[in-house]
Amino acid sequence: MVTVDARGMRCPWPALRLAKTMRAHSEALLLADDPKAEGEAAALAALHGWQLSVRRDGPIWHIRAAQLPPALTRP
């Protein structure tokens, strides 16, 4: 899994960094401290059919994105 450290960046930059990483990898962990990052990542996940798990540790969001197998993605 690739880690994308976007702490200190304001949206839309964390989501854009996650999207770029997911083009090359099937799984990524986004670290972000912008409260909007969770919503932006969720919108990307819905658009691209990614599975998302979110955890907050103090001010830091840990957002794990993973490509779903083709049979499980929505048409």
PDB file of N, CA and C in Angstrom:
ATOM      1  N   MET A   1       0.845  -1.170   0.000  1.00  0.00           N
ATOM      2  CA  MET A   1       0.000   0.000   0.000  1.00  0.00           C
ATOM      3  C   MET A   1       0.893   1.236   0.000  1.00  0.00           C
ATOM      4  N   VAL A   2       0.518   2.210  -0.801  1.00  0.00           N
ATOM      5  CA  VAL A   2       1.254   3.456  -0.913  1.00  0.00           C
ATOM      6  C   VAL A   2       0.627   4.480   0.034  1.00  0.00           C
ATOM      7  N   THR A   3       1.454   5.242   0.733  1.00  0.00           N
ATOM      8  CA  THR A   3       0.952   6.294   1.614  1.00  0.00           C
ATOM      9  C   THR A   3       1.096   7.644   0.931  1.00  0.00           C
ATOM     10  N   VAL A   4       0.006   8.406   0.939  1.00  0.00           N
ATOM     11  CA  VAL A   4      -0.012   9.759   0.385  1.00  0.00           C
ATOM     12  C   VAL A   4      -0.120  10.706   1.576  1.00  0.00           C
ATOM     13  N   ASP A   5       0.940  11.423   1.864  1.00  0.00           N
ATOM     14  CA  ASP A   5       0.952  12.342   3.001  1.00  0.00           C
ATOM     15  C   ASP A   5       0.546  13.728   2.503  1.00  0.00           C
ATOM     16  N   ALA A   6      -0.699  14.086   2.765  1.00  0.00           N
ATOM     17  CA  ALA A   6      -1.219  15.383   2.322  1.00  0.00           C
ATOM     18  C   ALA A   6      -1.487  16.294   3.513  1.00  0.00           C
ATOM     19  N   ARG A   7      -0.842  16.018   4.641  1.00  0.00           N
ATOM     20  CA  ARG A   7      -1.022  16.887   5.798  1.00  0.00           C
ATOM     21  C   ARG A   7      -0.491  18.275   5.466  1.00  0.00           C
ATOM     22  N   GLY A   8      -1.265  19.285   5.851  1.00  0.00           N
ATOM     23  CA  GLY A   8      -0.883  20.664   5.565  1.00  0.00           C
ATOM     24  C   GLY A   8      -1.442  21.173   4.248  1.00  0.00           C
ATOM     25  N   MET A   9      -1.992  20.289   3.426  1.00  0.00           N
ATOM     26  CA  MET A   9      -2.590  20.693   2.151  1.00  0.00           C
ATOM     27  C   MET A   9      -4.092  20.902   2.333  1.00  0.00           C
ATOM     28  N   ARG A  10      -4.626  21.884   1.656  1.00  0.00           N
ATOM     29  CA  ARG A  10      -6.051  22.157   1.694  1.00  0.00           C
ATOM     30  C   ARG A  10      -6.718  21.558   0.472  1.00  0.00           C
ATOM     31  N   CYS A  11      -7.976  21.168   0.635  1.00  0.00           N
ATOM     32  CA  CYS A  11      -8.723  20.597  -0.488  1.00  0.00           C
ATOM     33  C   CYS A  11      -8.835  21.629  -1.599  1.00  0.00           C
ATOM     34  N   PRO A  12      -8.694  21.167  -2.807  1.00  0.00           N
ATOM     35  CA  PRO A  12      -8.849  19.803  -3.289  1.00  0.00           C
ATOM     36  C   PRO A  12      -7.548  19.005  -3.376  1.00  0.00           C
ATOM     37  N   TRP A  13      -6.420  19.540  -2.899  1.00  0.00           N
ATOM     38  CA  TRP A  13      -5.130  18.877  -3.105  1.00  0.00           C
ATOM     39  C   TRP A  13      -5.030  17.471  -2.532  1.00  0.00           C
ATOM     40  N   PRO A  14      -5.509  17.202  -1.315  1.00  0.00           N
ATOM     41  CA  PRO A  14      -5.420  15.807  -0.839  1.00  0.00           C
ATOM     42  C   PRO A  14      -6.160  14.828  -1.756  1.00  0.00           C
ATOM     43  N   ALA A  15      -7.359  15.192  -2.201  1.00  0.00           N
ATOM     44  CA  ALA A  15      -8.133  14.310  -3.092  1.00  0.00           C
ATOM     45  C   ALA A  15      -7.441  14.146  -4.442  1.00  0.00           C
ATOM     46  N   LEU A  16      -6.864  15.211  -4.954  1.00  0.00           N
ATOM     47  CA  LEU A  16      -6.154  15.122  -6.235  1.00  0.00           C
ATOM     48  C   LEU A  16      -4.928  14.226  -6.123  1.00  0.00           C
ATOM     49  N   ARG A  17      -4.209  14.315  -5.007  1.00  0.00           N
ATOM     50  CA  ARG A  17      -3.045  13.445  -4.796  1.00  0.00           C
ATOM     51  C   ARG A  17      -3.477  11.988  -4.676  1.00  0.00           C
ATOM     52  N   LEU A  18      -4.614  11.744  -4.004  1.00  0.00           N
ATOM     53  CA  LEU A  18      -5.132  10.385  -3.888  1.00  0.00           C
ATOM     54  C   LEU A  18      -5.519   9.848  -5.262  1.00  0.00           C
ATOM     55  N   ALA A  19      -6.217  10.646  -6.054  1.00  0.00           N
ATOM     56  CA  ALA A  19      -6.642  10.210  -7.389  1.00  0.00           C
ATOM     57  C   ALA A  19      -5.434   9.863  -8.257  1.00  0.00           C
ATOM     58  N   LYS A  20      -4.401  10.687  -8.202  1.00  0.00           N
ATOM     59  CA  LYS A  20      -3.193  10.421  -8.994  1.00  0.00           C
ATOM     60  C   LYS A  20      -2.538   9.111  -8.560  1.00  0.00           C
ATOM     61  N   THR A  21      -2.469   8.883  -7.266  1.00  0.00           N
ATOM     62  CA  THR A  21      -1.859   7.657  -6.746  1.00  0.00           C
ATOM     63  C   THR A  21      -2.660   6.429  -7.146  1.00  0.00           C
ATOM     64  N   MET A  22      -3.991   6.536  -7.087  1.00  0.00           N
ATOM     65  CA  MET A  22      -4.840   5.390  -7.410  1.00  0.00           C
ATOM     66  C   MET A  22      -4.798   5.027  -8.897  1.00  0.00           C
ATOM     67  N   ARG A  23      -4.334   5.928  -9.742  1.00  0.00           N
ATOM     68  CA  ARG A  23      -4.162   5.579 -11.160  1.00  0.00           C
ATOM     69  C   ARG A  23      -3.045   4.556 -11.344  1.00  0.00           C
ATOM     70  N   ALA A  24      -2.066   4.577 -10.446  1.00  0.00           N
ATOM     71  CA  ALA A  24      -0.907   3.690 -10.577  1.00  0.00           C
ATOM     72  C   ALA A  24      -0.917   2.527  -9.588  1.00  0.00           C
ATOM     73  N   HIS A  25      -1.749   2.607  -8.556  1.00  0.00           N
ATOM     74  CA  HIS A  25      -1.755   1.584  -7.503  1.00  0.00           C
ATOM     75  C   HIS A  25      -3.186   1.173  -7.194  1.00  0.00           C
ATOM     76  N   SER A  26      -3.358  -0.027  -6.678  1.00  0.00           N
ATOM     77  CA  SER A  26      -4.704  -0.513  -6.375  1.00  0.00           C
ATOM     78  C   SER A  26      -5.130  -0.197  -4.940  1.00  0.00           C
ATOM     79  N   GLU A  27      -4.206   0.311  -4.143  1.00  0.00           N
ATOM     80  CA  GLU A  27      -4.520   0.608  -2.747  1.00  0.00           C
ATOM     81  C   GLU A  27      -3.645   1.762  -2.267  1.00  0.00           C
ATOM     82  N   ALA A  28      -4.245   2.677  -1.507  1.00  0.00           N
ATOM     83  CA  ALA A  28      -3.487   3.821  -1.000  1.00  0.00           C
ATOM     84  C   ALA A  28      -4.046   4.260   0.344  1.00  0.00           C
ATOM     85  N   LEU A  29      -3.174   4.840   1.157  1.00  0.00           N
ATOM     86  CA  LEU A  29      -3.564   5.426   2.428  1.00  0.00           C
ATOM     87  C   LEU A  29      -3.302   6.917   2.347  1.00  0.00           C
ATOM     88  N   LEU A  30      -4.349   7.708   2.507  1.00  0.00           N
ATOM     89  CA  LEU A  30      -4.239   9.163   2.475  1.00  0.00           C
ATOM     90  C   LEU A  30      -4.212   9.673   3.905  1.00  0.00           C
ATOM     91  N   LEU A  31      -3.207  10.460   4.236  1.00  0.00           N
ATOM     92  CA  LEU A  31      -3.134  11.151   5.519  1.00  0.00           C
ATOM     93  C   LEU A  31      -3.413  12.619   5.242  1.00  0.00           C
ATOM     94  N   ALA A  32      -4.441  13.158   5.885  1.00  0.00           N
ATOM     95  CA  ALA A  32      -4.824  14.545   5.631  1.00  0.00           C
ATOM     96  C   ALA A  32      -5.344  15.173   6.911  1.00  0.00           C
ATOM     97  N   ASP A  33      -5.140  16.483   7.026  1.00  0.00           N
ATOM     98  CA  ASP A  33      -5.670  17.190   8.188  1.00  0.00           C
ATOM     99  C   ASP A  33      -6.727  18.225   7.820  1.00  0.00           C
ATOM    100  N   ASP A  34      -7.095  18.300   6.562  1.00  0.00           N
ATOM    101  CA  ASP A  34      -8.194  19.168   6.148  1.00  0.00           C
ATOM    102  C   ASP A  34      -9.500  18.414   6.370  1.00  0.00           C
ATOM    103  N   PRO A  35     -10.426  18.974   7.161  1.00  0.00           N
ATOM    104  CA  PRO A  35     -11.684  18.270   7.440  1.00  0.00           C
ATOM    105  C   PRO A  35     -12.499  17.941   6.188  1.00  0.00           C
ATOM    106  N   LYS A  36     -12.295  18.666   5.109  1.00  0.00           N
ATOM    107  CA  LYS A  36     -13.032  18.397   3.867  1.00  0.00           C
ATOM    108  C   LYS A  36     -12.486  17.185   3.114  1.00  0.00           C
ATOM    109  N   ALA A  37     -11.316  16.701   3.488  1.00  0.00           N
ATOM    110  CA  ALA A  37     -10.675  15.599   2.763  1.00  0.00           C
ATOM    111  C   ALA A  37     -11.531  14.336   2.772  1.00  0.00           C
ATOM    112  N   GLU A  38     -12.208  14.054   3.878  1.00  0.00           N
ATOM    113  CA  GLU A  38     -13.037  12.851   3.942  1.00  0.00           C
ATOM    114  C   GLU A  38     -14.147  12.900   2.902  1.00  0.00           C
ATOM    115  N   GLY A  39     -14.844  14.008   2.805  1.00  0.00           N
ATOM    116  CA  GLY A  39     -15.929  14.145   1.830  1.00  0.00           C
ATOM    117  C   GLY A  39     -15.433  14.097   0.398  1.00  0.00           C
ATOM    118  N   GLU A  40     -14.307  14.731   0.140  1.00  0.00           N
ATOM    119  CA  GLU A  40     -13.727  14.733  -1.205  1.00  0.00           C
ATOM    120  C   GLU A  40     -13.293  13.321  -1.600  1.00  0.00           C
ATOM    121  N   ALA A  41     -12.675  12.598  -0.672  1.00  0.00           N
ATOM    122  CA  ALA A  41     -12.243  11.220  -0.957  1.00  0.00           C
ATOM    123  C   ALA A  41     -13.453  10.315  -1.165  1.00  0.00           C
ATOM    124  N   ALA A  42     -14.517  10.530  -0.391  1.00  0.00           N
ATOM    125  CA  ALA A  42     -15.731   9.724  -0.543  1.00  0.00           C
ATOM    126  C   ALA A  42     -16.367   9.954  -1.916  1.00  0.00           C
ATOM    127  N   ALA A  43     -16.361  11.190  -2.386  1.00  0.00           N
ATOM    128  CA  ALA A  43     -16.904  11.493  -3.713  1.00  0.00           C
ATOM    129  C   ALA A  43     -16.084  10.797  -4.802  1.00  0.00           C
ATOM    130  N   LEU A  44     -14.771  10.825  -4.675  1.00  0.00           N
ATOM    131  CA  LEU A  44     -13.904  10.126  -5.633  1.00  0.00           C
ATOM    132  C   LEU A  44     -14.148   8.623  -5.603  1.00  0.00           C
ATOM    133  N   ALA A  45     -14.284   8.078  -4.403  1.00  0.00           N
ATOM    134  CA  ALA A  45     -14.511   6.639  -4.266  1.00  0.00           C
ATOM    135  C   ALA A  45     -15.812   6.236  -4.945  1.00  0.00           C
ATOM    136  N   ALA A  46     -16.850   7.026  -4.762  1.00  0.00           N
ATOM    137  CA  ALA A  46     -18.139   6.718  -5.394  1.00  0.00           C
ATOM    138  C   ALA A  46     -18.023   6.800  -6.913  1.00  0.00           C
ATOM    139  N   LEU A  47     -17.296   7.777  -7.389  1.00  0.00           N
ATOM    140  CA  LEU A  47     -17.131   7.973  -8.831  1.00  0.00           C
ATOM    141  C   LEU A  47     -16.338   6.841  -9.477  1.00  0.00           C
ATOM    142  N   HIS A  48     -15.304   6.369  -8.783  1.00  0.00           N
ATOM    143  CA  HIS A  48     -14.388   5.380  -9.367  1.00  0.00           C
ATOM    144  C   HIS A  48     -14.630   3.945  -8.889  1.00  0.00           C
ATOM    145  N   GLY A  49     -15.581   3.752  -7.972  1.00  0.00           N
ATOM    146  CA  GLY A  49     -15.862   2.408  -7.483  1.00  0.00           C
ATOM    147  C   GLY A  49     -14.825   1.875  -6.520  1.00  0.00           C
ATOM    148  N   TRP A  50     -14.211   2.760  -5.745  1.00  0.00           N
ATOM    149  CA  TRP A  50     -13.227   2.340  -4.758  1.00  0.00           C
ATOM    150  C   TRP A  50     -13.922   2.008  -3.450  1.00  0.00           C
ATOM    151  N   GLN A  51     -13.309   1.123  -2.695  1.00  0.00           N
ATOM    152  CA  GLN A  51     -13.753   0.858  -1.331  1.00  0.00           C
ATOM    153  C   GLN A  51     -12.979   1.817  -0.435  1.00  0.00           C
ATOM    154  N   LEU A  52     -13.661   2.452   0.486  1.00  0.00           N
ATOM    155  CA  LEU A  52     -13.025   3.448   1.336  1.00  0.00           C
ATOM    156  C   LEU A  52     -13.238   3.089   2.798  1.00  0.00           C
ATOM    157  N   SER A  53     -12.193   3.208   3.593  1.00  0.00           N
ATOM    158  CA  SER A  53     -12.344   3.103   5.043  1.00  0.00           C
ATOM    159  C   SER A  53     -11.687   4.342   5.640  1.00  0.00           C
ATOM    160  N   VAL A  54     -12.360   4.921   6.612  1.00  0.00           N
ATOM    161  CA  VAL A  54     -11.927   6.201   7.171  1.00  0.00           C
ATOM    162  C   VAL A  54     -11.784   6.077   8.677  1.00  0.00           C
ATOM    163  N   ARG A  55     -10.694   6.647   9.181  1.00  0.00           N
ATOM    164  CA  ARG A  55     -10.454   6.696  10.622  1.00  0.00           C
ATOM    165  C   ARG A  55      -9.856   8.052  10.940  1.00  0.00           C
ATOM    166  N   ARG A  56     -10.267   8.619  12.033  1.00  0.00           N
ATOM    167  CA  ARG A  56      -9.711   9.898  12.443  1.00  0.00           C
ATOM    168  C   ARG A  56      -8.904   9.699  13.713  1.00  0.00           C
ATOM    169  N   ASP A  57      -7.684  10.207  13.710  1.00  0.00           N
ATOM    170  CA  ASP A  57      -6.797  10.137  14.861  1.00  0.00           C
ATOM    171  C   ASP A  57      -6.417  11.573  15.220  1.00  0.00           C
ATOM    172  N   GLY A  58      -7.169  12.167  16.145  1.00  0.00           N
ATOM    173  CA  GLY A  58      -6.957  13.585  16.459  1.00  0.00           C
ATOM    174  C   GLY A  58      -7.299  14.415  15.229  1.00  0.00           C
ATOM    175  N   PRO A  59      -6.398  15.291  14.817  1.00  0.00           N
ATOM    176  CA  PRO A  59      -6.687  16.128  13.649  1.00  0.00           C
ATOM    177  C   PRO A  59      -6.382  15.443  12.309  1.00  0.00           C
ATOM    178  N   ILE A  60      -5.849  14.231  12.354  1.00  0.00           N
ATOM    179  CA  ILE A  60      -5.409  13.562  11.118  1.00  0.00           C
ATOM    180  C   ILE A  60      -6.437  12.531  10.675  1.00  0.00           C
ATOM    181  N   TRP A  61      -6.820  12.618   9.416  1.00  0.00           N
ATOM    182  CA  TRP A  61      -7.691  11.625   8.781  1.00  0.00           C
ATOM    183  C   TRP A  61      -6.815  10.562   8.138  1.00  0.00           C
ATOM    184  N   HIS A  62      -7.138   9.302   8.370  1.00  0.00           N
ATOM    185  CA  HIS A  62      -6.482   8.159   7.733  1.00  0.00           C
ATOM    186  C   HIS A  62      -7.537   7.564   6.799  1.00  0.00           C
ATOM    187  N   ILE A  63      -7.372   7.788   5.519  1.00  0.00           N
ATOM    188  CA  ILE A  63      -8.365   7.368   4.535  1.00  0.00           C
ATOM    189  C   ILE A  63      -7.732   6.323   3.621  1.00  0.00           C
ATOM    190  N   ARG A  64      -8.226   5.096   3.731  1.00  0.00           N
ATOM    191  CA  ARG A  64      -7.689   3.992   2.929  1.00  0.00           C
ATOM    192  C   ARG A  64      -8.607   3.760   1.744  1.00  0.00           C
ATOM    193  N   ALA A  65      -8.040   3.825   0.556  1.00  0.00           N
ATOM    194  CA  ALA A  65      -8.797   3.582  -0.677  1.00  0.00           C
ATOM    195  C   ALA A  65      -8.264   2.316  -1.334  1.00  0.00           C
ATOM    196  N   ALA A  66      -9.168   1.494  -1.844  1.00  0.00           N
ATOM    197  CA  ALA A  66      -8.776   0.261  -2.528  1.00  0.00           C
ATOM    198  C   ALA A  66      -9.688   0.041  -3.729  1.00  0.00           C
ATOM    199  N   GLN A  67      -9.082  -0.405  -4.819  1.00  0.00           N
ATOM    200  CA  GLN A  67      -9.852  -0.760  -6.006  1.00  0.00           C
ATOM    201  C   GLN A  67     -10.649  -2.012  -5.691  1.00  0.00           C
ATOM    202  N   LEU A  68     -11.911  -2.030  -6.036  1.00  0.00           N
ATOM    203  CA  LEU A  68     -12.712  -3.239  -5.900  1.00  0.00           C
ATOM    204  C   LEU A  68     -12.469  -4.135  -7.099  1.00  0.00           C
ATOM    205  N   PRO A  69     -12.552  -5.441  -6.921  1.00  0.00           N
ATOM    206  CA  PRO A  69     -12.449  -6.328  -8.070  1.00  0.00           C
ATOM    207  C   PRO A  69     -13.546  -5.977  -9.091  1.00  0.00           C
ATOM    208  N   PRO A  70     -13.292  -6.154 -10.388  1.00  0.00           N
ATOM    209  CA  PRO A  70     -14.251  -5.748 -11.417  1.00  0.00           C
ATOM    210  C   PRO A  70     -15.665  -6.291 -11.206  1.00  0.00           C
ATOM    211  N   ALA A  71     -15.823  -7.487 -10.687  1.00  0.00           N
ATOM    212  CA  ALA A  71     -17.139  -8.070 -10.502  1.00  0.00           C
ATOM    213  C   ALA A  71     -17.935  -7.339  -9.416  1.00  0.00           C
ATOM    214  N   LEU A  72     -17.239  -6.607  -8.534  1.00  0.00           N
ATOM    215  CA  LEU A  72     -17.912  -5.941  -7.431  1.00  0.00           C
ATOM    216  C   LEU A  72     -18.178  -4.461  -7.668  1.00  0.00           C
ATOM    217  N   THR A  73     -17.660  -3.904  -8.741  1.00  0.00           N
ATOM    218  CA  THR A  73     -17.901  -2.489  -9.012  1.00  0.00           C
ATOM    219  C   THR A  73     -19.261  -2.302  -9.643  1.00  0.00           C
ATOM    220  N   ARG A  74     -19.818  -1.121  -9.412  1.00  0.00           N
ATOM    221  CA  ARG A  74     -21.125  -0.810  -9.983  1.00  0.00           C
ATOM    222  C   ARG A  74     -20.973  -0.418 -11.448  1.00  0.00           C
ATOM    223  N   PRO A  75     -21.972  -0.755 -12.278  1.00  0.00           N
ATOM    224  CA  PRO A  75     -21.879  -0.370 -13.701  1.00  0.00           C
ATOM    225  C   PRO A  75     -22.000   1.116 -13.902  1.00  0.00           C
TER     226      PRO A  75
END
